[in-house]
N, C-alpha and C. Protein backbone atom coordinates (compact mmCIF):
# COMPACT_ATOMS: atom_id res chain seq x y z
N MET A 1 35.06 -0.78 -7.73
CA MET A 1 34.20 -1.22 -8.81
C MET A 1 35.03 -2.03 -9.80
N THR A 2 34.44 -3.02 -10.35
CA THR A 2 35.11 -3.92 -11.29
C THR A 2 35.67 -3.18 -12.49
N CYS A 3 35.00 -2.12 -12.91
CA CYS A 3 35.44 -1.37 -14.09
C CYS A 3 36.90 -0.95 -13.99
N PHE A 4 37.29 -0.51 -12.82
CA PHE A 4 38.64 0.01 -12.67
C PHE A 4 39.69 -1.09 -12.70
N PHE A 5 39.29 -2.32 -12.47
CA PHE A 5 40.21 -3.44 -12.56
C PHE A 5 40.24 -4.03 -13.96
N LEU A 6 39.13 -4.03 -14.64
CA LEU A 6 39.02 -4.65 -15.95
C LEU A 6 39.43 -3.72 -17.08
N PHE A 7 38.99 -2.48 -17.05
CA PHE A 7 39.16 -1.62 -18.19
C PHE A 7 40.55 -1.06 -18.44
N PRO A 8 41.43 -0.97 -17.47
CA PRO A 8 42.77 -0.52 -17.83
C PRO A 8 43.40 -1.40 -18.91
N ARG A 9 43.02 -2.65 -18.97
CA ARG A 9 43.51 -3.55 -20.00
C ARG A 9 43.09 -3.07 -21.38
N PHE A 10 41.89 -2.55 -21.50
CA PHE A 10 41.35 -2.14 -22.78
C PHE A 10 41.66 -0.70 -23.14
N CYS A 11 41.99 0.12 -22.18
CA CYS A 11 42.16 1.57 -22.42
C CYS A 11 43.57 2.05 -22.11
N SER A 12 44.52 1.20 -22.15
CA SER A 12 45.91 1.57 -21.85
C SER A 12 46.03 2.26 -20.50
N GLY A 13 45.26 1.82 -19.54
CA GLY A 13 45.33 2.36 -18.19
C GLY A 13 44.50 3.60 -17.95
N ASP A 14 43.88 4.16 -18.99
CA ASP A 14 43.12 5.39 -18.85
C ASP A 14 41.62 5.09 -18.84
N VAL A 15 41.07 4.83 -17.67
CA VAL A 15 39.65 4.50 -17.57
C VAL A 15 38.75 5.71 -17.77
N SER A 16 39.33 6.91 -17.87
CA SER A 16 38.51 8.10 -18.12
C SER A 16 37.92 8.07 -19.53
N GLN A 17 38.40 7.17 -20.38
CA GLN A 17 37.86 7.02 -21.73
C GLN A 17 36.49 6.34 -21.73
N ILE A 18 36.09 5.79 -20.59
CA ILE A 18 34.83 5.07 -20.49
C ILE A 18 33.89 5.84 -19.57
N PRO A 19 32.68 6.18 -20.06
CA PRO A 19 31.73 6.88 -19.20
C PRO A 19 31.39 6.06 -17.96
N HIS A 20 31.13 6.73 -16.87
CA HIS A 20 30.76 6.05 -15.63
C HIS A 20 29.37 5.45 -15.83
N PRO A 21 29.20 4.15 -15.56
CA PRO A 21 27.90 3.51 -15.81
C PRO A 21 26.77 4.05 -14.94
N GLY A 22 27.09 4.60 -13.78
CA GLY A 22 26.05 5.16 -12.92
C GLY A 22 25.58 6.53 -13.37
N VAL A 23 26.33 7.16 -14.25
CA VAL A 23 25.99 8.50 -14.72
C VAL A 23 25.48 8.46 -16.16
N ASP A 24 26.15 7.67 -17.01
CA ASP A 24 25.80 7.60 -18.44
C ASP A 24 25.80 6.14 -18.89
N TRP A 25 24.72 5.44 -18.58
CA TRP A 25 24.64 4.01 -18.89
C TRP A 25 24.75 3.75 -20.39
N LYS A 26 24.02 4.52 -21.20
CA LYS A 26 24.05 4.30 -22.65
C LYS A 26 25.44 4.55 -23.21
N GLY A 27 26.09 5.60 -22.74
CA GLY A 27 27.46 5.89 -23.19
C GLY A 27 28.43 4.80 -22.76
N PHE A 28 28.24 4.29 -21.54
CA PHE A 28 29.07 3.21 -21.03
C PHE A 28 28.94 1.96 -21.89
N ILE A 29 27.71 1.57 -22.19
CA ILE A 29 27.48 0.37 -23.00
C ILE A 29 27.99 0.57 -24.41
N SER A 30 27.79 1.74 -24.97
CA SER A 30 28.27 2.03 -26.32
C SER A 30 29.79 1.90 -26.39
N ARG A 31 30.46 2.49 -25.44
CA ARG A 31 31.94 2.42 -25.42
C ARG A 31 32.41 1.00 -25.17
N LEU A 32 31.73 0.28 -24.31
CA LEU A 32 32.08 -1.10 -24.02
C LEU A 32 31.95 -1.97 -25.27
N LYS A 33 30.89 -1.75 -26.05
CA LYS A 33 30.71 -2.50 -27.30
C LYS A 33 31.87 -2.23 -28.26
N GLU A 34 32.28 -0.97 -28.35
CA GLU A 34 33.42 -0.62 -29.21
C GLU A 34 34.68 -1.36 -28.77
N LEU A 35 34.92 -1.35 -27.47
CA LEU A 35 36.12 -2.00 -26.95
C LEU A 35 36.09 -3.51 -27.16
N MET A 36 34.95 -4.13 -26.95
CA MET A 36 34.84 -5.59 -27.11
C MET A 36 34.97 -5.99 -28.56
N ALA A 37 34.55 -5.12 -29.49
CA ALA A 37 34.64 -5.43 -30.92
C ALA A 37 36.08 -5.52 -31.39
N ARG A 38 36.97 -4.78 -30.77
CA ARG A 38 38.37 -4.79 -31.23
C ARG A 38 39.27 -5.74 -30.45
N GLU A 39 38.74 -6.35 -29.42
CA GLU A 39 39.52 -7.30 -28.62
C GLU A 39 39.34 -8.73 -29.13
N PRO A 40 40.39 -9.54 -29.07
CA PRO A 40 40.22 -10.95 -29.43
C PRO A 40 39.36 -11.64 -28.38
N LYS A 41 38.63 -12.63 -28.82
CA LYS A 41 37.79 -13.38 -27.88
C LYS A 41 38.67 -14.30 -27.04
N ILE A 42 38.13 -14.68 -25.88
CA ILE A 42 38.86 -15.57 -24.98
C ILE A 42 38.11 -16.89 -24.85
N PHE A 43 38.82 -17.93 -24.46
CA PHE A 43 38.20 -19.24 -24.30
C PHE A 43 37.44 -19.31 -22.99
N CYS A 44 36.19 -19.73 -23.07
CA CYS A 44 35.34 -19.90 -21.88
C CYS A 44 35.31 -21.39 -21.55
N PRO A 45 35.88 -21.79 -20.43
CA PRO A 45 35.91 -23.21 -20.09
C PRO A 45 34.53 -23.79 -19.78
N MET A 46 33.58 -22.93 -19.41
CA MET A 46 32.23 -23.43 -19.09
C MET A 46 31.48 -23.86 -20.35
N THR A 47 31.65 -23.10 -21.43
CA THR A 47 30.92 -23.40 -22.67
C THR A 47 31.81 -24.04 -23.73
N GLN A 48 33.11 -24.09 -23.46
CA GLN A 48 34.07 -24.64 -24.41
C GLN A 48 34.05 -23.86 -25.73
N ALA A 49 33.88 -22.54 -25.64
CA ALA A 49 33.80 -21.71 -26.83
C ALA A 49 34.54 -20.39 -26.61
N LEU A 50 34.85 -19.73 -27.71
CA LEU A 50 35.46 -18.40 -27.64
C LEU A 50 34.36 -17.37 -27.42
N LYS A 51 34.58 -16.48 -26.47
CA LYS A 51 33.60 -15.45 -26.12
C LYS A 51 34.32 -14.14 -25.84
N PRO A 52 33.58 -13.02 -25.91
CA PRO A 52 34.19 -11.74 -25.56
C PRO A 52 34.50 -11.68 -24.06
N TRP A 53 35.41 -10.79 -23.69
CA TRP A 53 35.76 -10.60 -22.28
C TRP A 53 34.53 -10.27 -21.45
N VAL A 54 33.67 -9.42 -22.00
CA VAL A 54 32.46 -8.99 -21.31
C VAL A 54 31.27 -9.26 -22.21
N ASP A 55 30.25 -9.92 -21.69
CA ASP A 55 29.02 -10.16 -22.43
C ASP A 55 28.13 -8.93 -22.21
N VAL A 56 28.14 -8.03 -23.19
CA VAL A 56 27.44 -6.76 -23.07
C VAL A 56 25.94 -6.97 -22.93
N GLN A 57 25.39 -7.96 -23.62
CA GLN A 57 23.95 -8.21 -23.52
C GLN A 57 23.56 -8.64 -22.11
N LYS A 58 24.33 -9.54 -21.52
CA LYS A 58 24.02 -9.98 -20.15
C LYS A 58 24.20 -8.83 -19.17
N LEU A 59 25.23 -8.06 -19.36
CA LEU A 59 25.47 -6.91 -18.48
C LEU A 59 24.30 -5.93 -18.57
N SER A 60 23.86 -5.65 -19.78
CA SER A 60 22.74 -4.72 -19.97
C SER A 60 21.47 -5.27 -19.35
N LYS A 61 21.20 -6.53 -19.56
CA LYS A 61 19.99 -7.14 -19.02
C LYS A 61 19.97 -7.05 -17.50
N PHE A 62 21.11 -7.27 -16.90
CA PHE A 62 21.20 -7.29 -15.45
C PHE A 62 21.16 -5.89 -14.83
N TYR A 63 21.87 -4.94 -15.45
CA TYR A 63 22.04 -3.63 -14.83
C TYR A 63 21.25 -2.49 -15.44
N ALA A 64 20.78 -2.60 -16.67
CA ALA A 64 20.14 -1.47 -17.34
C ALA A 64 18.90 -0.98 -16.60
N ALA A 65 18.04 -1.88 -16.17
CA ALA A 65 16.83 -1.46 -15.46
C ALA A 65 17.18 -0.73 -14.17
N GLU A 66 18.17 -1.25 -13.46
CA GLU A 66 18.61 -0.64 -12.20
C GLU A 66 19.20 0.74 -12.46
N SER A 67 19.97 0.84 -13.55
CA SER A 67 20.64 2.09 -13.87
C SER A 67 19.66 3.18 -14.28
N SER A 68 18.55 2.79 -14.93
CA SER A 68 17.61 3.80 -15.41
C SER A 68 16.48 4.07 -14.43
N ALA A 69 16.43 3.34 -13.33
CA ALA A 69 15.36 3.52 -12.35
C ALA A 69 15.59 4.76 -11.51
N GLY A 70 14.54 5.27 -10.95
CA GLY A 70 14.65 6.39 -10.02
C GLY A 70 15.20 7.64 -10.65
N SER A 71 16.24 8.19 -10.05
CA SER A 71 16.80 9.45 -10.53
C SER A 71 17.75 9.26 -11.68
N GLY A 72 17.88 8.02 -12.20
CA GLY A 72 18.63 7.81 -13.43
C GLY A 72 20.11 7.60 -13.26
N GLY A 73 20.56 7.15 -12.14
CA GLY A 73 21.99 6.95 -12.05
C GLY A 73 22.41 5.98 -10.98
N GLY A 74 21.56 5.73 -10.05
CA GLY A 74 21.93 4.83 -8.99
C GLY A 74 22.99 5.41 -8.06
N CYS A 75 23.19 6.73 -8.13
CA CYS A 75 24.21 7.37 -7.31
C CYS A 75 23.74 7.43 -5.86
N ALA A 76 24.62 7.05 -4.96
CA ALA A 76 24.27 7.02 -3.54
C ALA A 76 24.53 8.35 -2.86
N ILE A 77 25.13 9.29 -3.56
CA ILE A 77 25.44 10.60 -2.97
C ILE A 77 24.29 11.55 -3.29
N SER A 78 23.75 12.18 -2.26
CA SER A 78 22.66 13.12 -2.52
C SER A 78 23.00 14.49 -1.97
């Protein structure tokens, strides 16, 4: 999962500080917002502007419905 590659940068290597998005979507997004608020923005060559590492709104729009559907986690283990 991308989280394990991206988040060690923000959490000093300890990804356990971030809730698993498949289990606690709201907690995941909340923690992600906190992390993005304290990080400097990066240059986006597509828009020629400074942007956060992760666009939390786009991530939420894309994954929130999927995460809250069904049994509430998207977990493949039953």
